[in-house]
Amino acid sequence: MKKKILALLLMAILAVSVVGCASNETEKTTAEEKTYQYYTAEQVKDAIENGDDITLVDIQVEDEWNAHHIKGAISTKAYPVKTDEERAKVDAVIPQLEGDNPIIVVCPGGKGGAQRTVEHLTESGIKPERLFILENGQGGWPYDELLEK
């Protein structure tokens, strides 16, 4: 009888240990997930119209840039920012990113390419608190009056 109780007690301790490790691993994974800051199209529009000191870094490919881009944006033509060559295109504009003003990355959809650009700029020494992504990217930009075509 004592052996059965001891065996059950050991199994219970083992089960708690396994669950505890699993939940710690989940917490670790969640803590390691990257988070990104965003500007909405309306916030960017307001900043442009108010003359706020912001920098727009557009990573659209050349054809998309030529078809439409936000006035005043810096073109990199670096999308999707996966290769060394594409990252080098982002590197070329880093000298224009000095200061403490917000930098808003514009990509076609506001997702992976913009996230990779933010990560690359952070790795290149740009303060992460300055880096933002245009929510929904150029494809979600509703203000034609602020486009250059």
C-alpha atoms as a PDB file:
ATOM      1  CA  MET A   1       0.000   0.000   0.000  1.00  0.00           C
ATOM      2  CA  LYS A   2       2.822   2.414   0.918  1.00  0.00           C
ATOM      3  CA  LYS A   3       4.552   1.576  -2.382  1.00  0.00           C
ATOM      4  CA  LYS A   4       1.387   2.455  -4.353  1.00  0.00           C
ATOM      5  CA  ILE A   5       1.010   5.791  -2.536  1.00  0.00           C
ATOM      6  CA  LEU A   6       4.690   6.562  -3.027  1.00  0.00           C
ATOM      7  CA  ALA A   7       4.435   5.652  -6.726  1.00  0.00           C
ATOM      8  CA  LEU A   8       1.336   7.873  -7.163  1.00  0.00           C
ATOM      9  CA  LEU A   9       3.056  10.709  -5.337  1.00  0.00           C
ATOM     10  CA  LEU A  10       6.121  10.412  -7.567  1.00  0.00           C
ATOM     11  CA  MET A  11       3.943  10.388 -10.702  1.00  0.00           C
ATOM     12  CA  ALA A  12       2.120  13.487  -9.466  1.00  0.00           C
ATOM     13  CA  ILE A  13       5.420  15.277  -8.854  1.00  0.00           C
ATOM     14  CA  LEU A  14       6.667  14.245 -12.284  1.00  0.00           C
ATOM     15  CA  ALA A  15       3.438  15.438 -13.928  1.00  0.00           C
ATOM     16  CA  VAL A  16       3.669  18.829 -12.197  1.00  0.00           C
ATOM     17  CA  SER A  17       7.308  19.127 -13.245  1.00  0.00           C
ATOM     18  CA  VAL A  18       6.501  18.366 -16.891  1.00  0.00           C
ATOM     19  CA  VAL A  19       3.577  20.807 -16.970  1.00  0.00           C
ATOM     20  CA  GLY A  20       5.694  23.428 -15.243  1.00  0.00           C
ATOM     21  CA  CYS A  21       8.467  23.047 -17.812  1.00  0.00           C
ATOM     22  CA  ALA A  22       6.002  23.167 -20.658  1.00  0.00           C
ATOM     23  CA  SER A  23       4.393  26.357 -19.402  1.00  0.00           C
ATOM     24  CA  ASN A  24       7.820  27.956 -18.869  1.00  0.00           C
ATOM     25  CA  GLU A  25       8.731  27.062 -22.445  1.00  0.00           C
ATOM     26  CA  THR A  26       5.484  28.628 -23.700  1.00  0.00           C
ATOM     27  CA  GLU A  27       6.199  31.787 -21.745  1.00  0.00           C
ATOM     28  CA  LYS A  28       9.719  31.887 -23.131  1.00  0.00           C
ATOM     29  CA  THR A  29       8.499  31.541 -26.709  1.00  0.00           C
ATOM     30  CA  THR A  30       5.885  34.237 -26.207  1.00  0.00           C
ATOM     31  CA  ALA A  31       8.448  36.584 -24.681  1.00  0.00           C
ATOM     32  CA  GLU A  32      10.770  36.045 -27.668  1.00  0.00           C
ATOM     33  CA  GLU A  33       8.131  36.928 -30.278  1.00  0.00           C
ATOM     34  CA  LYS A  34       8.945  40.169 -32.040  1.00  0.00           C
ATOM     35  CA  THR A  35       6.612  43.087 -31.729  1.00  0.00           C
ATOM     36  CA  TYR A  36       6.368  45.969 -34.159  1.00  0.00           C
ATOM     37  CA  GLN A  37       5.087  49.511 -33.886  1.00  0.00           C
ATOM     38  CA  TYR A  38       2.613  50.823 -36.442  1.00  0.00           C
ATOM     39  CA  TYR A  39       1.356  54.094 -37.854  1.00  0.00           C
ATOM     40  CA  THR A  40      -2.088  54.083 -39.417  1.00  0.00           C
ATOM     41  CA  ALA A  41      -2.602  55.744 -42.786  1.00  0.00           C
ATOM     42  CA  GLU A  42      -4.519  58.499 -40.996  1.00  0.00           C
ATOM     43  CA  GLN A  43      -1.637  59.121 -38.573  1.00  0.00           C
ATOM     44  CA  VAL A  44       0.822  59.376 -41.477  1.00  0.00           C
ATOM     45  CA  LYS A  45      -1.537  61.695 -43.380  1.00  0.00           C
ATOM     46  CA  ASP A  46      -1.920  63.934 -40.321  1.00  0.00           C
ATOM     47  CA  ALA A  47       1.856  63.984 -39.756  1.00  0.00           C
ATOM     48  CA  ILE A  48       2.478  64.986 -43.384  1.00  0.00           C
ATOM     49  CA  GLU A  49      -0.204  67.684 -43.349  1.00  0.00           C
ATOM     50  CA  ASN A  50       1.026  69.060 -39.996  1.00  0.00           C
ATOM     51  CA  GLY A  51       4.619  69.145 -41.217  1.00  0.00           C
ATOM     52  CA  ASP A  52       5.756  66.732 -38.490  1.00  0.00           C
ATOM     53  CA  ASP A  53       9.324  65.498 -38.745  1.00  0.00           C
ATOM     54  CA  ILE A  54       8.861  61.925 -39.985  1.00  0.00           C
ATOM     55  CA  THR A  55      10.807  59.873 -42.494  1.00  0.00           C
ATOM     56  CA  LEU A  56       9.046  57.476 -44.857  1.00  0.00           C
ATOM     57  CA  VAL A  57      11.224  54.630 -46.155  1.00  0.00           C
ATOM     58  CA  ASP A  58       9.509  52.919 -49.071  1.00  0.00           C
ATOM     59  CA  ILE A  59      10.692  49.422 -49.987  1.00  0.00           C
ATOM     60  CA  GLN A  60       8.346  48.810 -52.947  1.00  0.00           C
ATOM     61  CA  VAL A  61       9.930  47.396 -56.095  1.00  0.00           C
ATOM     62  CA  GLU A  62      10.597  49.839 -58.921  1.00  0.00           C
ATOM     63  CA  ASP A  63       7.377  49.187 -60.891  1.00  0.00           C
ATOM     64  CA  GLU A  64       5.216  49.702 -57.797  1.00  0.00           C
ATOM     65  CA  TRP A  65       7.178  52.797 -56.758  1.00  0.00           C
ATOM     66  CA  ASN A  66       6.726  54.266 -60.251  1.00  0.00           C
ATOM     67  CA  ALA A  67       2.992  53.491 -60.184  1.00  0.00           C
ATOM     68  CA  HIS A  68       2.352  55.122 -56.783  1.00  0.00           C
ATOM     69  CA  HIS A  69       4.154  56.205 -53.666  1.00  0.00           C
ATOM     70  CA  ILE A  70       3.581  58.650 -50.854  1.00  0.00           C
ATOM     71  CA  LYS A  71       5.002  62.119 -51.490  1.00  0.00           C
ATOM     72  CA  GLY A  72       8.325  62.652 -49.785  1.00  0.00           C
ATOM     73  CA  ALA A  73       9.098  58.965 -49.276  1.00  0.00           C
ATOM     74  CA  ILE A  74      12.649  57.703 -49.722  1.00  0.00           C
ATOM     75  CA  SER A  75      12.786  54.875 -52.254  1.00  0.00           C
ATOM     76  CA  THR A  76      14.925  51.804 -51.653  1.00  0.00           C
ATOM     77  CA  LYS A  77      13.361  49.358 -54.141  1.00  0.00           C
ATOM     78  CA  ALA A  78      14.470  46.680 -51.661  1.00  0.00           C
ATOM     79  CA  TYR A  79      11.322  44.540 -51.342  1.00  0.00           C
ATOM     80  CA  PRO A  80      11.123  41.785 -50.053  1.00  0.00           C
ATOM     81  CA  VAL A  81      14.359  42.468 -48.080  1.00  0.00           C
ATOM     82  CA  LYS A  82      15.404  38.816 -47.968  1.00  0.00           C
ATOM     83  CA  THR A  83      18.767  38.846 -49.729  1.00  0.00           C
ATOM     84  CA  ASP A  84      22.071  40.575 -49.039  1.00  0.00           C
ATOM     85  CA  GLU A  85      21.539  42.616 -52.218  1.00  0.00           C
ATOM     86  CA  GLU A  86      18.126  43.820 -50.994  1.00  0.00           C
ATOM     87  CA  ARG A  87      19.484  44.608 -47.518  1.00  0.00           C
ATOM     88  CA  ALA A  88      22.282  46.606 -49.191  1.00  0.00           C
ATOM     89  CA  LYS A  89      19.597  48.751 -50.851  1.00  0.00           C
ATOM     90  CA  VAL A  90      18.231  49.537 -47.382  1.00  0.00           C
ATOM     91  CA  ASP A  91      21.772  50.222 -46.141  1.00  0.00           C
ATOM     92  CA  ALA A  92      22.174  52.851 -48.872  1.00  0.00           C
ATOM     93  CA  VAL A  93      19.532  55.092 -47.242  1.00  0.00           C
ATOM     94  CA  ILE A  94      20.743  54.755 -43.634  1.00  0.00           C
ATOM     95  CA  PRO A  95      22.736  58.035 -43.847  1.00  0.00           C
ATOM     96  CA  GLN A  96      19.385  59.790 -44.501  1.00  0.00           C
ATOM     97  CA  LEU A  97      17.924  58.343 -41.278  1.00  0.00           C
ATOM     98  CA  GLU A  98      19.980  60.305 -38.758  1.00  0.00           C
ATOM     99  CA  GLY A  99      18.185  62.038 -35.910  1.00  0.00           C
ATOM    100  CA  ASP A 100      15.481  61.010 -33.496  1.00  0.00           C
ATOM    101  CA  ASN A 101      12.354  61.379 -35.619  1.00  0.00           C
ATOM    102  CA  PRO A 102      10.023  58.449 -36.396  1.00  0.00           C
ATOM    103  CA  ILE A 103      10.926  56.296 -39.390  1.00  0.00           C
ATOM    104  CA  ILE A 104       7.920  54.677 -41.046  1.00  0.00           C
ATOM    105  CA  VAL A 105       8.583  51.734 -43.358  1.00  0.00           C
ATOM    106  CA  VAL A 106       6.213  51.479 -46.316  1.00  0.00           C
ATOM    107  CA  CYS A 107       5.925  48.136 -48.087  1.00  0.00           C
ATOM    108  CA  PRO A 108       3.250  46.730 -50.399  1.00  0.00           C
ATOM    109  CA  GLY A 109       1.156  45.148 -47.613  1.00  0.00           C
ATOM    110  CA  GLY A 110       2.677  46.248 -44.299  1.00  0.00           C
ATOM    111  CA  LYS A 111       3.797  42.776 -43.283  1.00  0.00           C
ATOM    112  CA  GLY A 112       6.891  40.619 -43.864  1.00  0.00           C
ATOM    113  CA  GLY A 113       8.983  42.972 -45.978  1.00  0.00           C
ATOM    114  CA  ALA A 114       8.411  45.835 -43.568  1.00  0.00           C
ATOM    115  CA  GLN A 115       9.164  43.603 -40.585  1.00  0.00           C
ATOM    116  CA  ARG A 116      12.417  42.415 -42.163  1.00  0.00           C
ATOM    117  CA  THR A 117      13.329  46.045 -42.900  1.00  0.00           C
ATOM    118  CA  VAL A 118      12.674  47.078 -39.287  1.00  0.00           C
ATOM    119  CA  GLU A 119      14.785  44.165 -38.051  1.00  0.00           C
ATOM    120  CA  HIS A 120      17.607  45.030 -40.452  1.00  0.00           C
ATOM    121  CA  LEU A 121      17.563  48.713 -39.509  1.00  0.00           C
ATOM    122  CA  THR A 122      17.613  47.786 -35.828  1.00  0.00           C
ATOM    123  CA  GLU A 123      20.596  45.483 -36.427  1.00  0.00           C
ATOM    124  CA  SER A 124      22.235  48.380 -38.305  1.00  0.00           C
ATOM    125  CA  GLY A 125      22.045  50.635 -35.264  1.00  0.00           C
ATOM    126  CA  ILE A 126      18.769  52.527 -35.695  1.00  0.00           C
ATOM    127  CA  LYS A 127      16.979  52.826 -32.358  1.00  0.00           C
ATOM    128  CA  PRO A 128      13.995  50.435 -32.372  1.00  0.00           C
ATOM    129  CA  GLU A 129      11.716  53.017 -30.737  1.00  0.00           C
ATOM    130  CA  ARG A 130      12.059  55.140 -33.905  1.00  0.00           C
ATOM    131  CA  LEU A 131      10.920  52.364 -36.251  1.00  0.00           C
ATOM    132  CA  PHE A 132       7.317  51.963 -37.354  1.00  0.00           C
ATOM    133  CA  ILE A 133       5.449  50.148 -40.123  1.00  0.00           C
ATOM    134  CA  LEU A 134       2.676  51.714 -42.186  1.00  0.00           C
ATOM    135  CA  GLU A 135      -0.329  49.610 -41.247  1.00  0.00           C
ATOM    136  CA  ASN A 136      -1.650  47.751 -44.328  1.00  0.00           C
ATOM    137  CA  GLY A 137       1.222  49.145 -46.400  1.00  0.00           C
ATOM    138  CA  GLN A 138       0.984  51.068 -49.645  1.00  0.00           C
ATOM    139  CA  GLY A 139      -1.862  48.801 -50.750  1.00  0.00           C
ATOM    140  CA  GLY A 140      -4.015  50.104 -47.905  1.00  0.00           C
ATOM    141  CA  TRP A 141      -3.193  53.791 -48.459  1.00  0.00           C
ATOM    142  CA  PRO A 142      -6.513  55.618 -49.064  1.00  0.00           C
ATOM    143  CA  TYR A 143      -5.281  59.203 -49.624  1.00  0.00           C
ATOM    144  CA  ASP A 144      -4.660  59.631 -53.358  1.00  0.00           C
ATOM    145  CA  GLU A 145      -4.037  63.363 -52.885  1.00  0.00           C
ATOM    146  CA  LEU A 146      -0.785  62.511 -51.071  1.00  0.00           C
ATOM    147  CA  LEU A 147       0.494  60.154 -53.765  1.00  0.00           C
ATOM    148  CA  GLU A 148       3.003  60.802 -56.482  1.00  0.00           C
ATOM    149  CA  LYS A 149       2.376  58.834 -59.646  1.00  0.00           C
END
